[in-house]
Amino acid sequence: EALKDEIDIEIVAFPQSGLLARPGTTELIDAALAAGAD
């Protein structure tokens, strides 16, 4: 948001520590996508 006039930023919701290996991560990714991750 702060740099929207200076650069376009596309965000990947990324499970760096694992998706299924850490229960609860899927729900967090889901929430990040709902909040505006691309």
All heavy atoms as atom14 arrays in JSON, in Angstrom:
{
  "sequence": "EALKDEIDIEIVAFPQSGLLARPGTTELIDAALAAGAD",
  "atom14_mask": [
    [1, 1, 1, 1, 1, 1, 1, 1, 1, 0, 0, 0, 0, 0],
    [1, 1, 1, 1, 1, 0, 0, 0, 0, 0, 0, 0, 0, 0],
    [1, 1, 1, 1, 1, 1, 1, 1, 0, 0, 0, 0, 0, 0],
    [1, 1, 1, 1, 1, 1, 1, 1, 1, 0, 0, 0, 0, 0],
    [1, 1, 1, 1, 1, 1, 1, 1, 0, 0, 0, 0, 0, 0],
    [1, 1, 1, 1, 1, 1, 1, 1, 1, 0, 0, 0, 0, 0],
    [1, 1, 1, 1, 1, 1, 1, 1, 0, 0, 0, 0, 0, 0],
    [1, 1, 1, 1, 1, 1, 1, 1, 0, 0, 0, 0, 0, 0],
    [1, 1, 1, 1, 1, 1, 1, 1, 0, 0, 0, 0, 0, 0],
    [1, 1, 1, 1, 1, 1, 1, 1, 1, 0, 0, 0, 0, 0],
    [1, 1, 1, 1, 1, 1, 1, 1, 0, 0, 0, 0, 0, 0],
    [1, 1, 1, 1, 1, 1, 1, 0, 0, 0, 0, 0, 0, 0],
    [1, 1, 1, 1, 1, 0, 0, 0, 0, 0, 0, 0, 0, 0],
    [1, 1, 1, 1, 1, 1, 1, 1, 1, 1, 1, 0, 0, 0],
    [1, 1, 1, 1, 1, 1, 1, 0, 0, 0, 0, 0, 0, 0],
    [1, 1, 1, 1, 1, 1, 1, 1, 1, 0, 0, 0, 0, 0],
    [1, 1, 1, 1, 1, 1, 0, 0, 0, 0, 0, 0, 0, 0],
    [1, 1, 1, 1, 0, 0, 0, 0, 0, 0, 0, 0, 0, 0],
    [1, 1, 1, 1, 1, 1, 1, 1, 0, 0, 0, 0, 0, 0],
    [1, 1, 1, 1, 1, 1, 1, 1, 0, 0, 0, 0, 0, 0],
    [1, 1, 1, 1, 1, 0, 0, 0, 0, 0, 0, 0, 0, 0],
    [1, 1, 1, 1, 1, 1, 1, 1, 1, 1, 1, 0, 0, 0],
    [1, 1, 1, 1, 1, 1, 1, 0, 0, 0, 0, 0, 0, 0],
    [1, 1, 1, 1, 0, 0, 0, 0, 0, 0, 0, 0, 0, 0],
    [1, 1, 1, 1, 1, 1, 1, 0, 0, 0, 0, 0, 0, 0],
    [1, 1, 1, 1, 1, 1, 1, 0, 0, 0, 0, 0, 0, 0],
    [1, 1, 1, 1, 1, 1, 1, 1, 1, 0, 0, 0, 0, 0],
    [1, 1, 1, 1, 1, 1, 1, 1, 0, 0, 0, 0, 0, 0],
    [1, 1, 1, 1, 1, 1, 1, 1, 0, 0, 0, 0, 0, 0],
    [1, 1, 1, 1, 1, 1, 1, 1, 0, 0, 0, 0, 0, 0],
    [1, 1, 1, 1, 1, 0, 0, 0, 0, 0, 0, 0, 0, 0],
    [1, 1, 1, 1, 1, 0, 0, 0, 0, 0, 0, 0, 0, 0],
    [1, 1, 1, 1, 1, 1, 1, 1, 0, 0, 0, 0, 0, 0],
    [1, 1, 1, 1, 1, 0, 0, 0, 0, 0, 0, 0, 0, 0],
    [1, 1, 1, 1, 1, 0, 0, 0, 0, 0, 0, 0, 0, 0],
    [1, 1, 1, 1, 0, 0, 0, 0, 0, 0, 0, 0, 0, 0],
    [1, 1, 1, 1, 1, 0, 0, 0, 0, 0, 0, 0, 0, 0],
    [1, 1, 1, 1, 1, 1, 1, 1, 0, 0, 0, 0, 0, 0]
  ],
  "atom14_positions": [
    [[0.83, -1.21, 0.0], [0.0, 0.0, 0.0], [0.86, 1.25, 0.0], [0.6, 2.21, -0.75], [-0.92, -0.01, 1.22], [-1.78, 1.23, 1.4], [-2.76, 1.46, 0.26], [-3.1, 0.5, -0.46], [-3.19, 2.63, 0.08], [0.0, 0.0, 0.0], [0.0, 0.0, 0.0], [0.0, 0.0, 0.0], [0.0, 0.0, 0.0], [0.0, 0.0, 0.0]],
    [[1.91, 1.27, 0.82], [2.76, 2.45, 0.94], [3.47, 2.78, -0.38], [3.7, 3.96, -0.69], [3.78, 2.26, 2.04], [0.0, 0.0, 0.0], [0.0, 0.0, 0.0], [0.0, 0.0, 0.0], [0.0, 0.0, 0.0], [0.0, 0.0, 0.0], [0.0, 0.0, 0.0], [0.0, 0.0, 0.0], [0.0, 0.0, 0.0], [0.0, 0.0, 0.0]],
    [[3.79, 1.76, -1.16], [4.58, 1.95, -2.39], [3.75, 1.78, -3.66], [4.31, 1.61, -4.75], [5.75, 0.96, -2.4], [6.79, 1.12, -1.29], [7.87, 0.04, -1.41], [7.41, 2.51, -1.3], [0.0, 0.0, 0.0], [0.0, 0.0, 0.0], [0.0, 0.0, 0.0], [0.0, 0.0, 0.0], [0.0, 0.0, 0.0], [0.0, 0.0, 0.0]],
    [[2.44, 1.86, -3.55], [1.58, 1.55, -4.7], [1.81, 2.48, -5.89], [1.54, 2.11, -7.03], [0.11, 1.58, -4.29], [-0.39, 2.93, -3.82], [-1.84, 2.83, -3.35], [-2.34, 4.19, -2.85], [-3.74, 4.08, -2.35], [0.0, 0.0, 0.0], [0.0, 0.0, 0.0], [0.0, 0.0, 0.0], [0.0, 0.0, 0.0], [0.0, 0.0, 0.0]],
    [[2.31, 3.69, -5.65], [2.6, 4.61, -6.75], [4.02, 4.49, -7.27], [4.38, 5.18, -8.23], [2.35, 6.06, -6.3], [0.88, 6.34, -6.01], [0.03, 5.72, -6.66], [0.61, 7.15, -5.1], [0.0, 0.0, 0.0], [0.0, 0.0, 0.0], [0.0, 0.0, 0.0], [0.0, 0.0, 0.0], [0.0, 0.0, 0.0], [0.0, 0.0, 0.0]],
    [[4.82, 3.62, -6.63], [6.23, 3.51, -7.0], [6.62, 2.14, -7.54], [7.61, 2.01, -8.26], [7.09, 3.85, -5.78], [6.94, 5.31, -5.36], [7.27, 5.56, -3.92], [8.48, 5.57, -3.6], [6.34, 5.73, -3.1], [0.0, 0.0, 0.0], [0.0, 0.0, 0.0], [0.0, 0.0, 0.0], [0.0, 0.0, 0.0], [0.0, 0.0, 0.0]],
    [[5.85, 1.11, -7.19], [6.13, -0.24, -7.69], [4.9, -1.1, -7.45], [4.14, -0.87, -6.51], [7.37, -0.83, -6.97], [7.91, -2.05, -7.73], [7.07, -1.16, -5.52], [9.33, -2.43, -7.34], [0.0, 0.0, 0.0], [0.0, 0.0, 0.0], [0.0, 0.0, 0.0], [0.0, 0.0, 0.0], [0.0, 0.0, 0.0], [0.0, 0.0, 0.0]],
    [[4.67, -2.04, -8.33], [3.57, -3.0, -8.15], [4.11, -4.24, -7.46], [5.12, -4.82, -7.91], [2.96, -3.39, -9.51], [2.21, -2.24, -10.15], [1.56, -1.48, -9.4], [2.25, -2.11, -11.39], [0.0, 0.0, 0.0], [0.0, 0.0, 0.0], [0.0, 0.0, 0.0], [0.0, 0.0, 0.0], [0.0, 0.0, 0.0], [0.0, 0.0, 0.0]],
    [[3.45, -4.65, -6.39], [3.89, -5.81, -5.6], [2.8, -6.86, -5.6], [1.67, -6.6, -5.18], [4.24, -5.4, -4.16], [5.37, -4.37, -4.16], [4.64, -6.62, -3.34], [5.74, -3.83, -2.77], [0.0, 0.0, 0.0], [0.0, 0.0, 0.0], [0.0, 0.0, 0.0], [0.0, 0.0, 0.0], [0.0, 0.0, 0.0], [0.0, 0.0, 0.0]],
    [[3.16, -8.05, -6.07], [2.26, -9.2, -6.1], [2.7, -10.17, -5.0], [3.88, -10.51, -4.93], [2.33, -9.87, -7.48], [1.3, -10.93, -7.73], [1.42, -11.48, -9.14], [2.43, -12.14, -9.44], [0.51, -11.24, -9.95], [0.0, 0.0, 0.0], [0.0, 0.0, 0.0], [0.0, 0.0, 0.0], [0.0, 0.0, 0.0], [0.0, 0.0, 0.0]],
    [[1.76, -10.6, -4.16], [2.1, -11.36, -2.96], [1.63, -12.8, -3.08], [0.46, -13.07, -3.35], [1.48, -10.7, -1.72], [2.1, -9.32, -1.49], [1.65, -11.58, -0.48], [1.42, -8.5, -0.41], [0.0, 0.0, 0.0], [0.0, 0.0, 0.0], [0.0, 0.0, 0.0], [0.0, 0.0, 0.0], [0.0, 0.0, 0.0], [0.0, 0.0, 0.0]],
    [[2.56, -13.72, -2.84], [2.26, -15.15, -2.78], [2.19, -15.57, -1.31], [3.15, -15.35, -0.56], [3.35, -15.99, -3.49], [2.96, -17.47, -3.5], [3.59, -15.5, -4.91], [0.0, 0.0, 0.0], [0.0, 0.0, 0.0], [0.0, 0.0, 0.0], [0.0, 0.0, 0.0], [0.0, 0.0, 0.0], [0.0, 0.0, 0.0], [0.0, 0.0, 0.0]],
    [[1.06, -16.15, -0.9], [0.93, -16.67, 0.46], [1.69, -17.99, 0.52], [1.27, -19.0, -0.03], [-0.54, -16.87, 0.8], [0.0, 0.0, 0.0], [0.0, 0.0, 0.0], [0.0, 0.0, 0.0], [0.0, 0.0, 0.0], [0.0, 0.0, 0.0], [0.0, 0.0, 0.0], [0.0, 0.0, 0.0], [0.0, 0.0, 0.0], [0.0, 0.0, 0.0]],
    [[2.83, -17.98, 1.23], [3.83, -19.04, 1.08], [4.03, -19.82, 2.38], [4.45, -19.26, 3.39], [5.15, -18.38, 0.65], [6.28, -19.33, 0.44], [6.12, -20.47, -0.33], [7.53, -19.08, 0.99], [7.19, -21.35, -0.54], [8.6, -19.94, 0.79], [8.42, -21.08, 0.02], [0.0, 0.0, 0.0], [0.0, 0.0, 0.0], [0.0, 0.0, 0.0]],
    [[3.79, -21.13, 2.36], [3.99, -21.97, 3.55], [5.42, -22.47, 3.67], [5.71, -23.66, 3.54], [3.01, -23.13, 3.3], [3.02, -23.3, 1.81], [3.19, -21.9, 1.25], [0.0, 0.0, 0.0], [0.0, 0.0, 0.0], [0.0, 0.0, 0.0], [0.0, 0.0, 0.0], [0.0, 0.0, 0.0], [0.0, 0.0, 0.0], [0.0, 0.0, 0.0]],
    [[6.35, -21.55, 3.94], [7.78, -21.9, 3.96], [8.1, -23.04, 4.91], [8.98, -23.87, 4.62], [8.59, -20.66, 4.38], [10.08, -20.89, 4.55], [10.82, -21.04, 3.24], [11.24, -20.06, 2.66], [10.97, -22.27, 2.77], [0.0, 0.0, 0.0], [0.0, 0.0, 0.0], [0.0, 0.0, 0.0], [0.0, 0.0, 0.0], [0.0, 0.0, 0.0]],
    [[7.42, -23.14, 6.04], [7.72, -24.18, 7.03], [6.92, -25.45, 6.82], [7.03, -26.39, 7.62], [7.47, -23.63, 8.44], [8.37, -22.59, 8.74], [0.0, 0.0, 0.0], [0.0, 0.0, 0.0], [0.0, 0.0, 0.0], [0.0, 0.0, 0.0], [0.0, 0.0, 0.0], [0.0, 0.0, 0.0], [0.0, 0.0, 0.0], [0.0, 0.0, 0.0]],
    [[6.15, -25.5, 5.77], [5.32, -26.66, 5.49], [3.84, -26.29, 5.58], [3.46, -25.38, 6.32], [0.0, 0.0, 0.0], [0.0, 0.0, 0.0], [0.0, 0.0, 0.0], [0.0, 0.0, 0.0], [0.0, 0.0, 0.0], [0.0, 0.0, 0.0], [0.0, 0.0, 0.0], [0.0, 0.0, 0.0], [0.0, 0.0, 0.0], [0.0, 0.0, 0.0]],
    [[3.03, -27.0, 4.83], [1.6, -26.74, 4.8], [0.85, -27.71, 5.71], [0.17, -27.32, 6.65], [1.09, -26.86, 3.36], [-0.35, -26.46, 3.08], [-0.61, -25.02, 3.46], [-0.67, -26.67, 1.59], [0.0, 0.0, 0.0], [0.0, 0.0, 0.0], [0.0, 0.0, 0.0], [0.0, 0.0, 0.0], [0.0, 0.0, 0.0], [0.0, 0.0, 0.0]],
    [[1.04, -29.0, 5.47], [0.36, -30.02, 6.27], [1.19, -30.42, 7.48], [0.65, -30.89, 8.48], [0.08, -31.25, 5.41], [-0.7, -31.0, 4.1], [-0.93, -32.3, 3.37], [-2.03, -30.3, 4.38], [0.0, 0.0, 0.0], [0.0, 0.0, 0.0], [0.0, 0.0, 0.0], [0.0, 0.0, 0.0], [0.0, 0.0, 0.0], [0.0, 0.0, 0.0]],
    [[2.49, -30.24, 7.38], [3.38, -30.65, 8.48], [3.16, -29.82, 9.74], [3.5, -30.26, 10.84], [4.84, -30.54, 8.03], [0.0, 0.0, 0.0], [0.0, 0.0, 0.0], [0.0, 0.0, 0.0], [0.0, 0.0, 0.0], [0.0, 0.0, 0.0], [0.0, 0.0, 0.0], [0.0, 0.0, 0.0], [0.0, 0.0, 0.0], [0.0, 0.0, 0.0]],
    [[2.6, -28.64, 9.58], [2.31, -27.76, 10.72], [0.81, -27.45, 10.71], [0.37, -26.51, 10.04], [3.15, -26.48, 10.65], [4.64, -26.74, 10.78], [5.46, -25.48, 10.58], [5.25, -24.5, 11.65], [5.95, -24.48, 12.78], [6.9, -25.37, 13.0], [5.71, -23.55, 13.69], [0.0, 0.0, 0.0], [0.0, 0.0, 0.0], [0.0, 0.0, 0.0]],
    [[0.02, -28.25, 11.41], [-1.44, -28.07, 11.4], [-1.83, -26.64, 11.77], [-1.26, -26.03, 12.68], [-1.92, -29.07, 12.46], [-0.87, -30.14, 12.46], [0.42, -29.42, 12.23], [0.0, 0.0, 0.0], [0.0, 0.0, 0.0], [0.0, 0.0, 0.0], [0.0, 0.0, 0.0], [0.0, 0.0, 0.0], [0.0, 0.0, 0.0], [0.0, 0.0, 0.0]],
    [[-2.78, -26.12, 11.03], [-3.21, -24.74, 11.2], [-2.71, -23.82, 10.1], [-3.25, -22.73, 9.89], [0.0, 0.0, 0.0], [0.0, 0.0, 0.0], [0.0, 0.0, 0.0], [0.0, 0.0, 0.0], [0.0, 0.0, 0.0], [0.0, 0.0, 0.0], [0.0, 0.0, 0.0], [0.0, 0.0, 0.0], [0.0, 0.0, 0.0], [0.0, 0.0, 0.0]],
    [[-1.67, -24.26, 9.37], [-1.12, -23.42, 8.31], [-2.1, -23.25, 7.16], [-2.22, -22.16, 6.59], [0.22, -24.0, 7.81], [1.11, -24.16, 8.9], [0.85, -23.08, 6.77], [0.0, 0.0, 0.0], [0.0, 0.0, 0.0], [0.0, 0.0, 0.0], [0.0, 0.0, 0.0], [0.0, 0.0, 0.0], [0.0, 0.0, 0.0], [0.0, 0.0, 0.0]],
    [[-2.8, -24.31, 6.8], [-3.77, -24.21, 5.7], [-4.8, -23.12, 5.98], [-5.14, -22.32, 5.1], [-4.48, -25.56, 5.49], [-3.51, -26.55, 5.12], [-5.54, -25.47, 4.4], [0.0, 0.0, 0.0], [0.0, 0.0, 0.0], [0.0, 0.0, 0.0], [0.0, 0.0, 0.0], [0.0, 0.0, 0.0], [0.0, 0.0, 0.0], [0.0, 0.0, 0.0]],
    [[-5.28, -23.08, 7.21], [-6.27, -22.06, 7.57], [-5.68, -20.65, 7.51], [-6.37, -19.7, 7.12], [-6.81, -22.36, 8.98], [-7.67, -23.61, 9.09], [-6.88, -24.92, 9.05], [-5.64, -24.87, 9.23], [-7.5, -25.97, 8.85], [0.0, 0.0, 0.0], [0.0, 0.0, 0.0], [0.0, 0.0, 0.0], [0.0, 0.0, 0.0], [0.0, 0.0, 0.0]],
    [[-4.42, -20.52, 7.86], [-3.76, -19.22, 7.78], [-3.58, -18.78, 6.33], [-3.78, -17.6, 6.0], [-2.41, -19.27, 8.49], [-2.46, -19.36, 10.02], [-1.06, -19.68, 10.58], [-2.96, -18.04, 10.62], [0.0, 0.0, 0.0], [0.0, 0.0, 0.0], [0.0, 0.0, 0.0], [0.0, 0.0, 0.0], [0.0, 0.0, 0.0], [0.0, 0.0, 0.0]],
    [[-3.19, -19.72, 5.47], [-3.07, -19.4, 4.04], [-4.43, -18.97, 3.49], [-4.54, -17.99, 2.74], [-2.54, -20.61, 3.25], [-1.12, -20.99, 3.72], [-2.55, -20.33, 1.75], [-0.03, -20.07, 3.27], [0.0, 0.0, 0.0], [0.0, 0.0, 0.0], [0.0, 0.0, 0.0], [0.0, 0.0, 0.0], [0.0, 0.0, 0.0], [0.0, 0.0, 0.0]],
    [[-5.47, -19.69, 3.88], [-6.84, -19.36, 3.47], [-7.17, -17.92, 3.88], [-7.7, -17.13, 3.09], [-7.79, -20.35, 4.13], [-9.21, -20.27, 3.61], [-9.44, -19.65, 2.56], [-10.12, -20.84, 4.27], [0.0, 0.0, 0.0], [0.0, 0.0, 0.0], [0.0, 0.0, 0.0], [0.0, 0.0, 0.0], [0.0, 0.0, 0.0], [0.0, 0.0, 0.0]],
    [[-6.85, -17.58, 5.12], [-7.14, -16.23, 5.61], [-6.32, -15.17, 4.89], [-6.82, -14.07, 4.6], [-6.87, -16.17, 7.12], [0.0, 0.0, 0.0], [0.0, 0.0, 0.0], [0.0, 0.0, 0.0], [0.0, 0.0, 0.0], [0.0, 0.0, 0.0], [0.0, 0.0, 0.0], [0.0, 0.0, 0.0], [0.0, 0.0, 0.0], [0.0, 0.0, 0.0]],
    [[-5.06, -15.48, 4.58], [-4.21, -14.52, 3.87], [-4.76, -14.25, 2.47], [-4.74, -13.1, 1.99], [-2.79, -15.05, 3.78], [0.0, 0.0, 0.0], [0.0, 0.0, 0.0], [0.0, 0.0, 0.0], [0.0, 0.0, 0.0], [0.0, 0.0, 0.0], [0.0, 0.0, 0.0], [0.0, 0.0, 0.0], [0.0, 0.0, 0.0], [0.0, 0.0, 0.0]],
    [[-5.24, -15.28, 1.82], [-5.83, -15.11, 0.49], [-7.09, -14.26, 0.56], [-7.32, -13.38, -0.27], [-6.13, -16.48, -0.13], [-4.89, -17.32, -0.46], [-5.29, -18.77, -0.7], [-4.15, -16.77, -1.67], [0.0, 0.0, 0.0], [0.0, 0.0, 0.0], [0.0, 0.0, 0.0], [0.0, 0.0, 0.0], [0.0, 0.0, 0.0], [0.0, 0.0, 0.0]],
    [[-7.91, -14.5, 1.57], [-9.12, -13.7, 1.75], [-8.79, -12.24, 2.05], [-9.54, -11.33, 1.68], [-9.97, -14.29, 2.87], [0.0, 0.0, 0.0], [0.0, 0.0, 0.0], [0.0, 0.0, 0.0], [0.0, 0.0, 0.0], [0.0, 0.0, 0.0], [0.0, 0.0, 0.0], [0.0, 0.0, 0.0], [0.0, 0.0, 0.0], [0.0, 0.0, 0.0]],
    [[-7.64, -12.02, 2.7], [-7.24, -10.67, 3.09], [-6.57, -9.89, 1.96], [-6.37, -8.68, 2.09], [-6.32, -10.73, 4.29], [0.0, 0.0, 0.0], [0.0, 0.0, 0.0], [0.0, 0.0, 0.0], [0.0, 0.0, 0.0], [0.0, 0.0, 0.0], [0.0, 0.0, 0.0], [0.0, 0.0, 0.0], [0.0, 0.0, 0.0], [0.0, 0.0, 0.0]],
    [[-6.18, -10.56, 0.88], [-5.6, -9.83, -0.24], [-4.34, -10.38, -0.85], [-3.77, -9.76, -1.76], [0.0, 0.0, 0.0], [0.0, 0.0, 0.0], [0.0, 0.0, 0.0], [0.0, 0.0, 0.0], [0.0, 0.0, 0.0], [0.0, 0.0, 0.0], [0.0, 0.0, 0.0], [0.0, 0.0, 0.0], [0.0, 0.0, 0.0], [0.0, 0.0, 0.0]],
    [[-3.85, -11.54, -0.39], [-2.71, -12.17, -1.09], [-3.16, -12.56, -2.49], [-4.32, -12.91, -2.72], [-2.22, -13.38, -0.31], [0.0, 0.0, 0.0], [0.0, 0.0, 0.0], [0.0, 0.0, 0.0], [0.0, 0.0, 0.0], [0.0, 0.0, 0.0], [0.0, 0.0, 0.0], [0.0, 0.0, 0.0], [0.0, 0.0, 0.0], [0.0, 0.0, 0.0]],
    [[-2.24, -12.52, -3.43], [-2.59, -12.66, -4.85], [-2.49, -14.08, -5.38], [-3.18, -14.42, -6.35], [-1.68, -11.76, -5.68], [-1.79, -10.3, -5.3], [-2.85, -9.71, -5.56], [-0.83, -9.76, -4.71], [0.0, 0.0, 0.0], [0.0, 0.0, 0.0], [0.0, 0.0, 0.0], [0.0, 0.0, 0.0], [0.0, 0.0, 0.0], [0.0, 0.0, 0.0]]
  ]
}
